[in-house]
Amino acid sequence: MWRHATRKGIWLTLAGLLGIWAFPCLAASANNAGERLRVPPGFQVSLFATGIEGPRMLRFTPSGSMIVSVPDKGRVILLSSKGQGEPLDRRVLLEGLNAPHGVDLHQGVLYIAEEDAVGRIAFNDAAGKVEGGYLRLIPLPHGGGHSTRTVRVGPDAKLYVTIGSSCNVCMETDPHRASMLRYDLDGAKGEIYAQGLRNSVGFDWRPADGALYATDNGRDLLGDDFPPCELNMITRGSHYGWPFANGQNIADPDFGFGAQHSINKSVPPVYEFRAHNAPLGITFIRNPDAAAALRGAALVALHGSWNRSVKDGYKVVSLHWREDGRIEARDFLWGFLENGAVHGRPADVAEGPDGAIYVSDDYAGNIYRIARIAH
């Protein structure tokens, strides 16, 4: 929940120091992905790609190719195929980057969030390649914990960037940490859009009302069941609690004392995930022909706990907005955790132009495809 799971060795060492049982590496393979993993009735899961060495964020191009960030290898790659069942073509778009994580496409430009900058480069979708030079246009704070950065182009044609905190819990000296930032597409007119977001790796806009929602990872070292991880509805200028408060504005035991004014102004989450579930990527379903069970829903990748005595998470859930405003969660893809053994860790979710759902697994090195069963 500080740095992502592909930096596994660091956290296995920490787990040993803390007396936490480390992850056994039992990755889902091409032969057992459909048998081990589970989906709701009416869907089927298959292995779309494997052997990627830590795939994280996914974005589809207009032609239907998939852009995948591979932070630990410093690469952004392209997966493409001539048709269903055809072999995948794998191509490195860029390499030598500094932990590239978030990726997005807008009007023929590929935006990439590295640990210390947001860059851009022209992307030729028809040719499946980048063109011209890569420009690092927005410098970002880096170092400490939470190295991932996420970038999205919003409906207002602005760049939105999230930066996690530099620590588990602390008072940041740089207000850009634990925040969501917003810029013009050329990197100008930067502003701190929202604060108090400890580590919001994924965010998306709800088509039904245009509201912006972001996942957030709660702090560590307060036990198995507190604080909850969060889904926040983000509004400009708001503060979401960290490090002063957790969950429903419950004062933090380390930084809440004497901060009641800040706590009172904080916006509590609209939905709470279980503690240490580590929600990462989120995507709202936009396909009007999607299965009725998914229309209007958001899919969230729960990366899973590294610091609970009993592991939890390790699945994809669908979130459903009820008429009374409450949000209900249902399991959508599970089987990554069996009897305490970890077989994979979902990182991001994307809706393909073919109507299927794609999930990256940065632990097993796979990307899965979930499709409706044809009748």
Protein backbone atom coordinates (compact mmCIF):
# COMPACT_ATOMS: atom_id res chain seq x y z
CA MET A 1 0.00 0.00 0.00
CA TRP A 2 3.05 2.28 -0.08
CA ARG A 3 4.71 1.18 -3.27
CA HIS A 4 3.02 -1.17 -5.66
CA ALA A 5 3.36 -4.93 -5.39
CA THR A 6 5.86 -5.47 -8.16
CA ARG A 7 8.47 -4.04 -5.78
CA LYS A 8 7.85 -7.29 -3.99
CA GLY A 9 11.24 -7.86 -2.46
CA ILE A 10 11.09 -4.65 -0.42
CA TRP A 11 7.79 -5.58 1.12
CA LEU A 12 8.65 -9.21 1.72
CA THR A 13 11.58 -7.96 3.79
CA LEU A 14 9.30 -5.58 5.68
CA ALA A 15 6.74 -8.33 6.14
CA GLY A 16 9.38 -10.50 7.74
CA LEU A 17 10.43 -7.71 10.10
CA LEU A 18 6.80 -7.18 11.12
CA GLY A 19 6.12 -10.86 11.54
CA ILE A 20 3.64 -10.91 8.64
CA TRP A 21 3.41 -14.03 6.49
CA ALA A 22 4.78 -13.27 3.02
CA PHE A 23 3.07 -13.97 -0.26
CA PRO A 24 3.67 -17.38 -1.87
CA CYS A 25 4.13 -17.00 -5.60
CA LEU A 26 1.44 -19.20 -7.14
CA ALA A 27 0.55 -17.17 -10.20
CA ALA A 28 -2.45 -18.00 -12.37
CA SER A 29 -1.32 -19.57 -15.64
CA ALA A 30 -2.80 -19.86 -19.09
CA ASN A 31 -3.96 -23.37 -18.20
CA ASN A 32 -5.73 -22.60 -14.95
CA ALA A 33 -6.88 -18.97 -15.20
CA GLY A 34 -10.39 -19.96 -16.22
CA GLU A 35 -10.55 -22.68 -13.58
CA ARG A 36 -9.11 -20.75 -10.63
CA LEU A 37 -10.76 -17.38 -11.21
CA ARG A 38 -14.48 -16.85 -10.72
CA VAL A 39 -17.00 -14.44 -12.25
CA PRO A 40 -20.76 -13.98 -11.81
CA PRO A 41 -23.22 -16.14 -13.77
CA GLY A 42 -23.45 -15.10 -17.41
CA PHE A 43 -19.75 -14.18 -17.70
CA GLN A 44 -16.59 -16.10 -18.53
CA VAL A 45 -12.95 -15.26 -17.81
CA SER A 46 -9.96 -16.04 -19.99
CA LEU A 47 -6.29 -15.11 -20.14
CA PHE A 48 -5.74 -12.24 -22.58
CA ALA A 49 -1.99 -11.74 -22.12
CA THR A 50 0.72 -13.14 -19.87
CA GLY A 51 4.42 -12.68 -19.06
CA ILE A 52 4.29 -8.87 -18.90
CA GLU A 53 6.33 -8.46 -15.67
CA GLY A 54 4.10 -6.15 -13.67
CA PRO A 55 1.35 -4.66 -15.88
CA ARG A 56 -0.46 -1.79 -14.19
CA MET A 57 -2.69 0.80 -15.88
CA LEU A 58 -4.65 0.03 -19.05
CA ARG A 59 -6.02 2.30 -21.78
CA PHE A 60 -7.60 1.36 -25.09
CA THR A 61 -6.85 3.24 -28.29
CA PRO A 62 -9.62 4.18 -30.74
CA SER A 63 -8.60 1.26 -32.98
CA GLY A 64 -8.93 -1.23 -30.11
CA SER A 65 -5.28 -1.73 -29.18
CA MET A 66 -4.34 -1.68 -25.51
CA ILE A 67 -1.73 0.58 -23.94
CA VAL A 68 -0.18 -0.92 -20.79
CA SER A 69 2.19 0.69 -18.31
CA VAL A 70 4.97 -1.48 -16.86
CA PRO A 71 6.50 0.70 -14.12
CA ASP A 72 9.26 -1.57 -12.85
CA LYS A 73 10.62 -2.03 -16.38
CA GLY A 74 10.34 1.67 -17.23
CA ARG A 75 8.18 0.83 -20.24
CA VAL A 76 4.87 1.57 -21.88
CA ILE A 77 3.82 -1.17 -24.27
CA LEU A 78 1.11 -1.72 -26.87
CA LEU A 79 -0.90 -4.92 -27.27
CA SER A 80 -2.83 -5.36 -30.48
CA SER A 81 -4.49 -8.13 -32.44
CA LYS A 82 -6.12 -8.49 -35.85
CA GLY A 83 -9.15 -10.14 -34.30
CA GLN A 84 -10.57 -12.29 -31.54
CA GLY A 85 -8.45 -15.40 -31.15
CA GLU A 86 -5.60 -13.97 -33.22
CA PRO A 87 -2.09 -13.79 -31.71
CA LEU A 88 -1.26 -10.65 -29.79
CA ASP A 89 1.37 -8.32 -31.18
CA ARG A 90 3.49 -6.76 -28.42
CA ARG A 91 5.36 -3.58 -29.05
CA VAL A 92 7.36 -1.30 -26.75
CA LEU A 93 6.15 2.26 -27.28
CA LEU A 94 8.57 3.90 -24.84
CA GLU A 95 11.25 2.66 -22.47
CA GLY A 96 13.84 4.12 -20.15
CA LEU A 97 11.14 6.01 -18.24
CA ASN A 98 11.04 6.60 -14.49
CA ALA A 99 8.38 4.20 -13.19
CA PRO A 100 5.70 5.11 -15.75
CA HIS A 101 2.29 4.39 -14.27
CA GLY A 102 -0.76 6.37 -15.42
CA VAL A 103 -1.42 6.58 -19.16
CA ASP A 104 -4.11 8.33 -21.16
CA LEU A 105 -4.86 9.25 -24.78
CA HIS A 106 -6.40 12.47 -26.01
CA GLN A 107 -6.63 13.69 -29.61
CA GLY A 108 -3.63 11.70 -30.78
CA VAL A 109 -1.42 12.52 -27.80
CA LEU A 110 -0.27 9.95 -25.26
CA TYR A 111 0.16 11.28 -21.72
CA ILE A 112 2.31 9.34 -19.26
CA ALA A 113 2.70 9.87 -15.52
CA GLU A 114 6.21 8.96 -14.40
CA GLU A 115 7.22 9.11 -10.76
CA ASP A 116 8.75 12.57 -11.18
CA ALA A 117 6.96 14.05 -14.20
CA VAL A 118 4.04 13.95 -16.61
CA GLY A 119 5.18 13.64 -20.21
CA ARG A 120 3.53 13.53 -23.60
CA ILE A 121 4.25 12.25 -27.08
CA ALA A 122 2.33 11.96 -30.34
CA PHE A 123 0.71 8.58 -30.91
CA ASN A 124 -0.15 7.22 -34.35
CA ASP A 125 -2.96 4.77 -33.71
CA ALA A 126 -3.14 3.49 -37.28
CA ALA A 127 0.57 2.63 -37.25
CA GLY A 128 0.59 1.55 -33.60
CA LYS A 129 3.60 3.66 -32.65
CA VAL A 130 4.67 6.93 -31.08
CA GLU A 131 6.12 9.68 -33.22
CA GLY A 132 8.43 12.60 -32.58
CA GLY A 133 10.09 13.42 -29.29
CA TYR A 134 8.90 12.74 -25.77
CA LEU A 135 8.35 15.94 -23.77
CA ARG A 136 8.35 15.94 -19.99
CA LEU A 137 6.08 18.92 -19.39
CA ILE A 138 5.07 18.79 -15.69
CA PRO A 139 7.64 18.10 -12.95
CA LEU A 140 6.23 16.18 -9.97
CA PRO A 141 7.50 15.68 -6.42
CA HIS A 142 9.05 12.27 -5.87
CA GLY A 143 10.87 10.18 -3.32
CA GLY A 144 9.61 8.52 -0.17
CA GLY A 145 6.64 6.17 -0.31
CA HIS A 146 3.86 5.92 -2.89
CA SER A 147 5.76 6.19 -6.14
CA THR A 148 2.84 5.72 -8.54
CA ARG A 149 1.35 8.70 -10.36
CA THR A 150 -1.89 8.59 -12.32
CA VAL A 151 -2.90 10.94 -15.14
CA ARG A 152 -6.25 11.27 -16.88
CA VAL A 153 -7.70 13.79 -19.31
CA GLY A 154 -10.98 14.97 -17.88
CA PRO A 155 -14.24 15.87 -19.66
CA ASP A 156 -13.10 19.50 -19.40
CA ALA A 157 -9.99 18.69 -21.49
CA LYS A 158 -7.71 19.26 -18.50
CA LEU A 159 -4.99 16.98 -17.14
CA TYR A 160 -5.78 15.48 -13.73
CA VAL A 161 -2.87 13.98 -11.79
CA THR A 162 -2.82 12.17 -8.46
CA ILE A 163 0.25 11.98 -6.22
CA GLY A 164 0.33 9.82 -3.10
CA SER A 165 1.83 10.78 0.24
CA SER A 166 5.55 10.43 0.93
CA CYS A 167 4.86 8.41 4.09
CA ASN A 168 2.39 6.20 5.91
CA VAL A 169 1.15 9.15 7.98
CA CYS A 170 2.86 12.54 8.43
CA MET A 171 2.54 16.27 7.87
CA GLU A 172 3.74 16.84 4.30
CA THR A 173 5.99 19.81 3.61
CA ASP A 174 4.98 19.79 -0.07
CA PRO A 175 1.23 20.45 -0.56
CA HIS A 176 1.35 18.61 -3.89
CA ARG A 177 1.74 15.30 -2.05
CA ALA A 178 -1.43 13.39 -1.08
CA SER A 179 -3.32 15.50 -3.60
CA MET A 180 -5.07 15.63 -6.95
CA LEU A 181 -3.68 18.27 -9.31
CA ARG A 182 -5.13 19.83 -12.45
CA TYR A 183 -3.36 21.41 -15.44
CA ASP A 184 -4.01 22.62 -18.94
CA LEU A 185 -3.02 20.10 -21.59
CA ASP A 186 0.26 21.94 -22.15
CA GLY A 187 1.12 21.73 -18.45
CA ALA A 188 0.26 25.36 -17.72
CA LYS A 189 -2.06 26.79 -15.04
CA GLY A 190 -1.43 24.06 -12.51
CA GLU A 191 -3.55 23.98 -9.36
CA ILE A 192 -4.10 21.75 -6.36
CA TYR A 193 -7.58 20.45 -7.14
CA ALA A 194 -8.15 18.39 -3.94
CA GLN A 195 -6.12 17.46 -0.86
CA GLY A 196 -6.08 14.94 1.96
CA LEU A 197 -5.96 11.97 -0.44
CA ARG A 198 -3.35 9.63 1.01
CA ASN A 199 -2.90 7.50 -2.11
CA SER A 200 -5.57 7.84 -4.78
CA VAL A 201 -4.27 5.58 -7.53
CA GLY A 202 -7.45 5.37 -9.61
CA PHE A 203 -10.14 7.87 -10.58
CA ASP A 204 -12.89 8.20 -13.16
CA TRP A 205 -15.95 10.29 -14.00
CA ARG A 206 -19.41 8.78 -13.52
CA PRO A 207 -21.33 9.07 -16.80
CA ALA A 208 -24.70 9.40 -15.06
CA ASP A 209 -23.91 12.76 -13.46
CA GLY A 210 -20.32 13.69 -14.39
CA ALA A 211 -19.12 13.38 -10.79
CA LEU A 212 -15.46 12.52 -10.26
CA TYR A 213 -14.71 9.54 -8.00
CA ALA A 214 -11.32 8.40 -6.71
CA THR A 215 -10.18 5.37 -4.75
CA ASP A 216 -7.92 5.97 -1.76
CA ASN A 217 -5.73 3.65 0.32
CA GLY A 218 -6.04 4.09 4.09
CA ARG A 219 -3.06 4.32 6.40
CA ASP A 220 -1.27 1.36 7.99
CA LEU A 221 -0.30 0.18 11.48
CA LEU A 222 -3.67 0.66 13.21
CA GLY A 223 -4.67 -3.00 13.17
CA ASP A 224 -6.41 -5.37 10.78
CA ASP A 225 -9.74 -3.57 10.52
CA PHE A 226 -9.02 0.18 10.69
CA PRO A 227 -8.99 2.49 8.92
CA PRO A 228 -11.13 1.66 5.90
CA CYS A 229 -9.92 2.25 2.39
CA GLU A 230 -12.11 4.78 0.62
CA LEU A 231 -14.07 5.84 -2.42
CA ASN A 232 -14.31 9.62 -2.48
CA MET A 233 -16.41 11.92 -4.63
CA ILE A 234 -13.92 14.63 -5.56
CA THR A 235 -14.90 18.28 -5.74
CA ARG A 236 -12.57 21.19 -6.39
CA GLY A 237 -11.03 22.71 -3.28
CA SER A 238 -12.12 19.95 -0.89
CA HIS A 239 -10.01 18.14 1.71
CA TYR A 240 -10.52 14.41 2.34
CA GLY A 241 -9.09 14.01 5.81
CA TRP A 242 -5.57 12.57 5.67
CA PRO A 243 -3.56 12.79 7.90
CA PHE A 244 -6.00 14.26 10.44
CA ALA A 245 -8.92 11.87 10.03
CA ASN A 246 -9.82 8.42 8.72
CA GLY A 247 -13.08 7.03 7.40
CA GLN A 248 -16.12 8.96 8.62
CA ASN A 249 -13.94 11.78 9.96
CA ILE A 250 -12.64 9.74 12.89
CA ALA A 251 -9.67 11.56 14.41
CA ASP A 252 -6.33 9.95 13.62
CA PRO A 253 -4.54 8.76 16.79
CA ASP A 254 -1.27 10.33 15.65
CA PHE A 255 -2.35 13.56 13.93
CA GLY A 256 -5.97 14.15 14.93
CA PHE A 257 -5.30 15.71 18.33
CA GLY A 258 -5.84 19.47 18.17
CA ALA A 259 -6.97 19.27 14.52
CA GLN A 260 -10.73 19.29 15.04
CA HIS A 261 -11.19 22.32 12.79
CA SER A 262 -9.49 20.51 9.92
CA ILE A 263 -11.43 17.33 10.67
CA ASN A 264 -14.75 19.18 10.63
CA LYS A 265 -13.96 20.58 7.18
CA SER A 266 -12.93 17.22 5.76
CA VAL A 267 -15.19 15.35 3.35
CA PRO A 268 -15.85 11.73 4.42
CA PRO A 269 -15.86 8.90 1.85
CA VAL A 270 -19.03 8.00 -0.01
CA TYR A 271 -18.13 4.32 0.32
CA GLU A 272 -15.76 2.40 2.58
CA PHE A 273 -13.81 -0.66 1.45
CA ARG A 274 -12.49 -3.03 4.08
CA ALA A 275 -9.27 -1.94 5.72
CA HIS A 276 -6.11 -2.64 3.69
CA ASN A 277 -8.02 -3.90 0.62
CA ALA A 278 -5.97 -1.35 -1.40
CA PRO A 279 -8.45 -0.22 -4.08
CA LEU A 280 -6.50 0.89 -7.16
CA GLY A 281 -7.94 1.21 -10.67
CA ILE A 282 -11.58 2.21 -11.15
CA THR A 283 -13.62 2.45 -14.33
CA PHE A 284 -17.28 3.23 -14.92
CA ILE A 285 -19.11 1.07 -17.44
CA ARG A 286 -20.06 3.19 -20.45
CA ASN A 287 -21.18 0.61 -23.00
CA PRO A 288 -24.97 1.04 -23.45
CA ASP A 289 -25.16 -2.63 -24.45
CA ALA A 290 -23.41 -3.86 -21.31
CA ALA A 291 -25.02 -6.61 -19.27
CA ALA A 292 -27.89 -5.27 -17.18
CA ALA A 293 -26.01 -6.25 -14.03
CA LEU A 294 -23.19 -3.82 -14.92
CA ARG A 295 -25.00 -0.82 -16.42
CA GLY A 296 -24.18 2.30 -14.46
CA ALA A 297 -21.73 0.43 -12.24
CA ALA A 298 -18.07 1.06 -11.52
CA LEU A 299 -15.49 -1.72 -11.42
CA VAL A 300 -12.71 -1.42 -8.85
CA ALA A 301 -9.52 -3.50 -8.60
CA LEU A 302 -8.77 -4.43 -4.98
CA HIS A 303 -5.03 -5.05 -4.96
CA GLY A 304 -5.15 -6.84 -1.62
CA SER A 305 -3.61 -6.45 1.81
CA TRP A 306 0.08 -6.88 2.53
CA ASN A 307 -0.25 -5.97 6.21
CA ARG A 308 -3.18 -7.89 7.70
CA SER A 309 -2.80 -10.98 9.87
CA VAL A 310 -5.43 -12.56 7.61
CA LYS A 311 -5.15 -11.42 3.99
CA ASP A 312 -8.15 -9.73 2.37
CA GLY A 313 -9.11 -8.12 -0.94
CA TYR A 314 -7.47 -9.60 -4.04
CA LYS A 315 -10.51 -9.28 -6.31
CA VAL A 316 -12.47 -6.95 -8.56
CA VAL A 317 -15.77 -5.63 -7.27
CA SER A 318 -18.62 -3.81 -8.99
CA LEU A 319 -20.10 -0.77 -7.24
CA HIS A 320 -23.78 0.02 -7.78
CA TRP A 321 -25.49 3.31 -6.98
CA ARG A 322 -28.93 2.77 -5.43
CA GLU A 323 -31.80 5.21 -5.77
CA ASP A 324 -31.39 6.25 -2.13
CA GLY A 325 -27.76 7.22 -2.83
CA ARG A 326 -26.16 4.26 -1.09
CA ILE A 327 -23.46 2.30 -2.89
CA GLU A 328 -23.51 -1.49 -2.93
CA ALA A 329 -20.52 -3.71 -3.74
CA ARG A 330 -20.66 -7.10 -5.44
CA ASP A 331 -17.86 -9.48 -6.33
CA PHE A 332 -17.07 -9.47 -10.05
CA LEU A 333 -13.74 -11.32 -10.40
CA TRP A 334 -12.28 -13.39 -7.58
CA GLY A 335 -10.13 -16.46 -6.93
CA PHE A 336 -6.79 -14.63 -6.59
CA LEU A 337 -6.75 -15.59 -2.90
CA GLU A 338 -7.34 -19.20 -1.86
CA ASN A 339 -6.86 -20.50 1.67
CA GLY A 340 -4.35 -17.77 2.40
CA ALA A 341 -2.36 -18.34 -0.81
CA VAL A 342 -2.08 -15.39 -3.21
CA HIS A 343 -2.29 -16.19 -6.93
CA GLY A 344 -2.58 -12.66 -8.26
CA ARG A 345 -3.25 -9.00 -7.44
CA PRO A 346 -5.64 -6.96 -9.61
CA ALA A 347 -4.29 -3.49 -10.42
CA ASP A 348 -6.51 -1.86 -13.06
CA VAL A 349 -9.77 -2.40 -14.92
CA ALA A 350 -10.63 -1.28 -18.45
CA GLU A 351 -13.72 -1.62 -20.62
CA GLY A 352 -12.78 -2.74 -24.11
CA PRO A 353 -14.41 -1.58 -27.35
CA ASP A 354 -15.54 -5.20 -27.77
CA GLY A 355 -17.67 -4.86 -24.63
CA ALA A 356 -15.39 -7.12 -22.58
CA ILE A 357 -13.74 -6.15 -19.29
CA TYR A 358 -9.96 -6.36 -18.97
CA VAL A 359 -8.06 -6.62 -15.68
CA SER A 360 -4.33 -6.26 -15.14
CA ASP A 361 -2.57 -8.40 -12.53
CA ASP A 362 0.84 -7.00 -11.64
CA TYR A 363 1.71 -9.96 -9.40
CA ALA A 364 1.14 -12.81 -11.86
CA GLY A 365 2.07 -10.69 -14.89
CA ASN A 366 -1.27 -11.33 -16.60
CA ILE A 367 -4.15 -9.46 -18.18
CA TYR A 368 -7.55 -11.16 -18.03
CA ARG A 369 -10.58 -10.77 -20.25
CA ILE A 370 -14.11 -11.12 -18.85
CA ALA A 371 -16.87 -11.40 -21.44
CA ARG A 372 -20.55 -12.22 -21.48
CA ILE A 373 -21.41 -15.79 -22.39
CA ALA A 374 -23.06 -15.84 -25.81
CA HIS A 375 -26.51 -17.38 -25.92
